[in-house]
Amino acid sequence: MINSDTTILEKEPERAAASTPASLARRIGGLSDRAIAWLFITPTIALLLAINIFPLIWAIRLSFTNYRANRPNAVLENVGLQNYQRVLTDSDIWIAMQTTAHFVFWTILLQTLIGFSLAYLIDRKFRGHAFWTTVILIPMMLSPAVVGNFWRFLYQPQIGLFNYIVSFITGVPPSSFEMLGSVSLAPWSIIIVDTWMWTPYVMLICLAGLRSIPDYIYEAAEVDRASAWRQFWSITIPMALPFIMLAVLFRGIENFKMFDMVMLLTGGGPGSTTEVASITLKREAFESWRTGRASAFAIILFVAVFGLANIYVKALNRVKQR
């Protein structure tokens, strides 16, 4: 029985080849391996070009015009660099960029420090480390909409758990401050939520870096009587640094375009205290209906992020080659 099944399986490719039309078989048989590979990946490349490249080219075109999305039939005029000039000289946009930079800096700093610390502890492989790893990863698995509404409830000054925890630690009455309604506290409320949600992501990347360090390097350091502190600074940090920098790159790009969490928690308020660049862009495009100007702002953001990321990647490559 086994021999007959084996014979049937061996004959399957022959049957498939026999059922292939002769013209198609001749065409495929005459193609090189590289041509066949391009034949399979061409549809995917075409789809990516349609989804990513075409909107970018269209936005560049609109950035030089006075186009308004609420007036699609209006006469389209070429305004040259006027939209770019207005964006670069708009004080409100520069304030939004400063808010974005403040948000990106503190979220990356906190997520990197906490994420690497958690990865270092979990890498010790204590009892139950697999369970605690799963627990730590839960925030990252949640939808931003769920996280935003969950923390909005926690931040409520009357019934929110966050205020009561702060009150228990500091002795300040829980109803005496409001995280989302305070000009000084609202930015930090978003930083706390983003750190809580995405620190596990940084932890995973750092943990991968720590697990990639060979054990024999630590064993050789112990033979040389290097202290645990010296091993940490001379072995762990240098060899895990490329992974840490990679995590910083990913989170920096994502936080620079943060939109959903800010809209769910504060909507850019109070006033414009938490209005980051993405919210300013959305208001330009879909509230003021200055689509051409919004396109120019989007292109400026793209060039800024792309340029900074390119410089950072070159620094990352130098670190990896050391």
Protein backbone atom coordinates (compact mmCIF):
# COMPACT_ATOMS: atom_id res chain seq x y z
CA MET A 1 0.00 0.00 0.00
CA ILE A 2 2.82 2.39 0.89
CA ASN A 3 4.66 1.54 -2.34
CA SER A 4 1.56 2.28 -4.42
CA ASP A 5 1.04 5.65 -2.69
CA THR A 6 4.68 6.51 -3.31
CA THR A 7 4.32 5.61 -6.97
CA ILE A 8 1.25 7.83 -7.28
CA LEU A 9 3.07 10.77 -5.68
CA GLU A 10 6.04 10.30 -8.00
CA LYS A 11 3.77 10.37 -11.04
CA GLU A 12 1.95 13.57 -10.01
CA PRO A 13 4.59 15.97 -11.45
CA GLU A 14 4.56 13.99 -14.70
CA ARG A 15 0.76 14.29 -14.92
CA ALA A 16 0.92 18.04 -14.19
CA ALA A 17 3.55 18.48 -16.89
CA ALA A 18 1.51 16.45 -19.35
CA SER A 19 -1.62 18.52 -18.66
CA THR A 20 0.23 21.84 -19.28
CA PRO A 21 -0.54 23.26 -22.74
CA ALA A 22 2.32 22.77 -25.17
CA SER A 23 2.61 26.50 -25.99
CA LEU A 24 2.79 27.48 -22.32
CA ALA A 25 5.29 24.72 -21.59
CA ARG A 26 7.56 25.96 -24.39
CA ARG A 27 7.38 29.52 -23.08
CA ILE A 28 8.17 28.58 -19.49
CA GLY A 29 10.89 26.17 -20.56
CA GLY A 30 12.66 28.95 -22.44
CA LEU A 31 12.72 31.34 -19.46
CA SER A 32 15.68 31.69 -17.12
CA ASP A 33 15.31 31.42 -13.35
CA ARG A 34 15.63 35.20 -13.04
CA ALA A 35 12.89 35.75 -15.61
CA ILE A 36 10.57 33.34 -13.80
CA ALA A 37 11.28 35.15 -10.51
CA TRP A 38 10.41 38.51 -12.11
CA LEU A 39 7.27 36.93 -13.54
CA PHE A 40 6.04 36.11 -10.05
CA ILE A 41 7.02 39.34 -8.28
CA THR A 42 5.94 41.78 -11.01
CA PRO A 43 2.24 41.84 -9.89
CA THR A 44 3.30 42.62 -6.31
CA ILE A 45 5.65 45.39 -7.45
CA ALA A 46 2.92 46.86 -9.65
CA LEU A 47 0.49 46.83 -6.70
CA LEU A 48 3.01 48.54 -4.40
CA LEU A 49 3.72 51.18 -7.03
CA ALA A 50 -0.01 51.83 -7.41
CA ILE A 51 -0.54 52.11 -3.64
CA ASN A 52 2.60 54.04 -2.64
CA ILE A 53 4.31 55.74 -5.58
CA PHE A 54 1.28 57.05 -7.46
CA PRO A 55 -0.22 58.91 -4.43
CA LEU A 56 3.20 60.44 -3.74
CA ILE A 57 3.54 61.70 -7.32
CA TRP A 58 -0.04 62.99 -7.22
CA ALA A 59 0.61 64.84 -3.95
CA ILE A 60 3.75 66.43 -5.42
CA ARG A 61 1.71 67.63 -8.38
CA LEU A 62 -1.05 69.06 -6.17
CA SER A 63 1.49 70.84 -3.96
CA PHE A 64 2.22 73.26 -6.81
CA THR A 65 -1.45 74.11 -7.39
CA ASN A 66 -4.35 75.84 -5.62
CA TYR A 67 -6.43 72.65 -5.61
CA ARG A 68 -9.23 72.34 -3.03
CA ALA A 69 -10.85 68.94 -2.49
CA ASN A 70 -14.24 70.54 -1.75
CA ARG A 71 -14.15 72.28 -5.16
CA PRO A 72 -13.05 69.54 -7.56
CA ASN A 73 -14.49 71.32 -10.60
CA ALA A 74 -12.76 74.66 -9.96
CA VAL A 75 -10.07 75.87 -12.35
CA LEU A 76 -6.70 74.41 -11.34
CA GLU A 77 -3.95 77.05 -11.26
CA ASN A 78 -0.23 76.53 -10.91
CA VAL A 79 1.05 78.61 -7.96
CA GLY A 80 4.69 77.48 -8.09
CA LEU A 81 6.44 77.40 -4.71
CA GLN A 82 3.84 79.57 -3.01
CA ASN A 83 2.39 76.70 -0.96
CA TYR A 84 5.84 75.68 0.27
CA GLN A 85 6.67 79.27 1.19
CA ARG A 86 3.46 79.64 3.18
CA VAL A 87 4.03 76.37 5.02
CA LEU A 88 7.62 77.24 5.95
CA THR A 89 6.66 80.72 7.17
CA ASP A 90 3.54 79.66 9.13
CA SER A 91 4.17 80.03 12.87
CA ASP A 92 1.36 77.61 13.75
CA ILE A 93 2.99 74.86 11.70
CA TRP A 94 6.33 75.45 13.40
CA ILE A 95 4.62 75.21 16.80
CA ALA A 96 3.08 71.89 15.69
CA MET A 97 6.53 70.68 14.60
CA GLN A 98 7.96 71.61 18.01
CA THR A 99 5.13 69.70 19.70
CA THR A 100 5.86 66.70 17.49
CA ALA A 101 9.59 66.87 18.29
CA HIS A 102 8.81 67.05 22.03
CA PHE A 103 6.51 64.04 21.73
CA VAL A 104 9.00 62.00 19.64
CA PHE A 105 11.95 62.74 21.95
CA TRP A 106 10.30 61.77 25.22
CA THR A 107 8.46 58.71 23.90
CA ILE A 108 11.64 57.32 22.31
CA LEU A 109 13.69 58.03 25.43
CA LEU A 110 11.22 56.38 27.81
CA GLN A 111 10.43 53.44 25.53
CA THR A 112 14.11 52.71 24.93
CA LEU A 113 15.09 52.87 28.60
CA ILE A 114 12.13 50.87 29.88
CA GLY A 115 12.10 48.46 26.93
CA PHE A 116 15.80 47.63 27.23
CA SER A 117 15.50 47.25 31.00
CA LEU A 118 12.61 44.79 30.61
CA ALA A 119 14.49 42.89 27.90
CA TYR A 120 17.57 42.67 30.13
CA LEU A 121 15.50 41.28 33.00
CA ILE A 122 13.64 38.76 30.84
CA ASP A 123 16.91 37.62 29.27
CA ARG A 124 17.95 36.38 32.73
CA LYS A 125 15.39 33.55 32.15
CA PHE A 126 14.00 33.50 35.67
CA ARG A 127 11.14 31.23 36.65
CA GLY A 128 7.96 32.29 34.85
CA HIS A 129 9.76 34.60 32.40
CA ALA A 130 7.68 33.26 29.48
CA PHE A 131 4.43 34.14 31.29
CA TRP A 132 5.58 37.66 32.14
CA THR A 133 6.80 38.20 28.58
CA THR A 134 3.30 37.42 27.32
CA VAL A 135 1.74 39.76 29.89
CA ILE A 136 4.08 42.59 28.92
CA LEU A 137 3.22 42.15 25.23
CA ILE A 138 -0.54 42.58 25.78
CA PRO A 139 -0.64 46.40 25.31
CA MET A 140 1.05 46.10 21.92
CA MET A 141 -1.63 43.64 20.75
CA LEU A 142 -4.51 46.03 21.41
CA SER A 143 -6.07 48.35 18.87
CA PRO A 144 -5.18 52.07 19.24
CA ALA A 145 -8.91 52.81 19.42
CA VAL A 146 -9.27 50.44 22.39
CA VAL A 147 -6.18 51.84 24.09
CA GLY A 148 -7.29 55.45 23.55
CA ASN A 149 -10.76 54.93 25.01
CA PHE A 150 -9.39 52.80 27.84
CA TRP A 151 -6.91 55.46 28.95
CA ARG A 152 -9.41 58.25 28.43
CA PHE A 153 -11.54 56.53 31.06
CA LEU A 154 -8.51 56.05 33.35
CA TYR A 155 -7.70 59.76 33.09
CA GLN A 156 -11.15 60.89 34.23
CA PRO A 157 -10.58 63.14 37.30
CA GLN A 158 -13.64 61.92 39.23
CA ILE A 159 -13.73 58.18 38.57
CA GLY A 160 -10.44 57.47 36.78
CA LEU A 161 -8.02 55.05 38.40
CA PHE A 162 -4.95 57.04 37.32
CA ASN A 163 -5.80 60.06 39.47
CA TYR A 164 -6.40 57.85 42.50
CA ILE A 165 -3.03 56.13 42.05
CA VAL A 166 -1.28 59.51 41.84
CA SER A 167 -3.25 60.67 44.88
CA PHE A 168 -2.23 57.56 46.84
CA ILE A 169 1.47 58.13 46.03
CA THR A 170 1.67 61.93 46.38
CA GLY A 171 -1.26 62.78 48.64
CA VAL A 172 -2.70 65.22 46.11
CA PRO A 173 -6.56 65.11 45.93
CA PRO A 174 -7.60 63.08 42.83
CA SER A 175 -10.07 65.74 41.66
CA SER A 176 -7.52 68.57 41.91
CA PHE A 177 -5.93 67.90 38.51
CA GLU A 178 -7.05 66.73 35.09
CA MET A 179 -4.55 65.02 32.82
CA LEU A 180 -6.33 65.62 29.51
CA GLY A 181 -7.64 69.10 30.31
CA SER A 182 -4.45 70.65 31.66
CA VAL A 183 -2.14 72.56 29.33
CA SER A 184 0.95 71.29 31.17
CA LEU A 185 -0.23 67.70 31.72
CA ALA A 186 -1.99 66.89 28.43
CA PRO A 187 1.24 66.31 26.44
CA TRP A 188 2.52 63.99 29.15
CA SER A 189 -0.73 62.05 29.20
CA ILE A 190 -0.18 61.12 25.54
CA ILE A 191 3.48 60.28 26.17
CA ILE A 192 2.48 57.95 29.01
CA VAL A 193 -0.08 56.12 26.88
CA ASP A 194 2.24 55.72 23.90
CA THR A 195 5.03 54.50 26.18
CA TRP A 196 2.69 52.00 27.82
CA MET A 197 1.52 50.67 24.46
CA TRP A 198 4.77 50.46 22.47
CA THR A 199 7.45 49.73 25.07
CA PRO A 200 6.83 45.97 24.52
CA TYR A 201 7.76 46.44 20.85
CA VAL A 202 11.09 47.98 21.80
CA MET A 203 11.56 45.23 24.40
CA LEU A 204 11.16 42.50 21.75
CA ILE A 205 13.80 44.05 19.48
CA CYS A 206 16.22 44.56 22.38
CA LEU A 207 15.56 41.02 23.59
CA ALA A 208 16.46 39.70 20.15
CA GLY A 209 19.73 41.63 20.36
CA LEU A 210 20.54 40.27 23.82
CA ARG A 211 19.75 36.70 22.77
CA SER A 212 22.11 37.06 19.78
CA ILE A 213 25.17 37.62 22.02
CA PRO A 214 27.15 34.35 22.24
CA ASP A 215 27.57 32.89 25.73
CA TYR A 216 31.28 32.20 25.20
CA ILE A 217 32.00 35.95 25.21
CA TYR A 218 30.62 36.24 28.75
CA GLU A 219 32.48 33.07 29.75
CA ALA A 220 35.76 34.53 28.47
CA ALA A 221 35.04 37.75 30.40
CA GLU A 222 34.46 35.77 33.59
CA VAL A 223 37.78 33.97 33.09
CA ASP A 224 39.40 37.42 32.88
CA ARG A 225 37.61 38.27 36.15
CA ALA A 226 35.53 41.05 34.61
CA SER A 227 32.79 42.27 36.92
CA ALA A 228 29.11 42.11 35.97
CA TRP A 229 29.11 45.90 35.58
CA ARG A 230 32.13 45.77 33.25
CA GLN A 231 30.52 42.97 31.21
CA PHE A 232 27.37 45.04 30.86
CA TRP A 233 29.16 48.13 29.53
CA SER A 234 31.87 46.35 27.50
CA ILE A 235 29.88 43.44 26.03
CA THR A 236 26.12 43.79 26.42
CA ILE A 237 25.63 47.41 25.42
CA PRO A 238 28.05 47.45 22.42
CA MET A 239 26.69 44.20 20.95
CA ALA A 240 23.03 45.09 21.53
CA LEU A 241 23.47 48.69 20.32
CA PRO A 242 22.52 48.00 16.65
CA PHE A 243 19.23 46.47 17.81
CA ILE A 244 18.58 49.40 20.16
CA MET A 245 19.24 51.85 17.33
CA LEU A 246 16.94 49.86 15.06
CA ALA A 247 14.15 50.09 17.63
CA VAL A 248 14.74 53.84 17.94
CA LEU A 249 14.51 54.19 14.15
CA PHE A 250 11.21 52.30 13.91
CA ARG A 251 9.59 54.09 16.82
CA GLY A 252 10.88 57.49 15.70
CA ILE A 253 9.28 57.12 12.27
CA GLU A 254 6.01 55.87 13.75
CA ASN A 255 5.81 58.55 16.44
CA PHE A 256 6.58 61.31 13.96
CA LYS A 257 3.34 60.50 12.15
CA MET A 258 1.28 59.85 15.31
CA PHE A 259 -2.37 60.73 14.75
CA ASP A 260 -4.93 58.29 16.11
CA MET A 261 -3.88 58.31 19.77
CA VAL A 262 -3.75 62.11 19.95
CA MET A 263 -7.17 62.43 18.31
CA LEU A 264 -8.72 59.88 20.68
CA LEU A 265 -7.26 61.38 23.85
CA THR A 266 -7.17 65.16 23.34
CA GLY A 267 -8.06 65.95 19.73
CA GLY A 268 -5.08 68.32 19.73
CA GLY A 269 -6.25 70.24 22.77
CA PRO A 270 -6.58 71.87 25.15
CA GLY A 271 -6.29 74.67 22.63
CA SER A 272 -3.47 73.52 20.38
CA THR A 273 -1.20 72.20 23.14
CA THR A 274 -1.07 68.65 21.76
CA GLU A 275 -1.58 69.48 18.09
CA VAL A 276 1.12 67.47 16.37
CA ALA A 277 2.10 67.80 12.70
CA SER A 278 -0.28 65.07 11.49
CA ILE A 279 -3.30 66.80 13.07
CA THR A 280 -2.27 70.14 11.56
CA LEU A 281 -2.00 68.40 8.20
CA LYS A 282 -5.45 66.88 8.60
CA ARG A 283 -7.00 70.24 9.47
CA GLU A 284 -5.35 71.93 6.51
CA ALA A 285 -6.63 69.25 4.14
CA PHE A 286 -10.10 68.41 5.47
CA GLU A 287 -11.20 71.40 7.58
CA SER A 288 -9.68 74.39 5.80
CA TRP A 289 -9.81 72.48 2.48
CA ARG A 290 -6.45 73.89 1.38
CA THR A 291 -5.49 70.64 -0.32
CA GLY A 292 -2.60 72.07 -2.31
CA ARG A 293 -1.05 73.62 0.78
CA ALA A 294 -1.64 70.42 2.76
CA SER A 295 0.10 68.46 0.00
CA ALA A 296 3.11 70.79 0.23
CA PHE A 297 3.19 70.26 4.01
CA ALA A 298 3.02 66.48 3.50
CA ILE A 299 5.93 66.57 1.05
CA ILE A 300 8.01 68.65 3.47
CA LEU A 301 7.30 66.13 6.25
CA PHE A 302 8.20 63.26 3.93
CA VAL A 303 11.50 64.85 2.91
CA ALA A 304 12.35 65.64 6.55
CA VAL A 305 11.63 62.12 7.80
CA PHE A 306 13.32 60.48 4.82
CA GLY A 307 16.41 62.64 5.17
CA LEU A 308 16.75 62.10 8.92
CA ALA A 309 16.12 58.36 8.54
CA ASN A 310 18.76 58.14 5.81
CA ILE A 311 21.36 59.84 7.99
CA TYR A 312 20.41 57.62 10.92
CA VAL A 313 20.67 54.43 8.84
CA LYS A 314 24.18 55.40 7.75
CA ALA A 315 25.13 55.84 11.42
CA LEU A 316 23.52 52.48 12.19
CA ASN A 317 25.55 50.78 9.45
CA ARG A 318 28.76 52.24 10.89
CA VAL A 319 27.87 50.86 14.31
CA LYS A 320 27.14 47.41 12.83
CA GLN A 321 30.50 47.36 11.02
CA ARG A 322 32.54 48.10 14.14
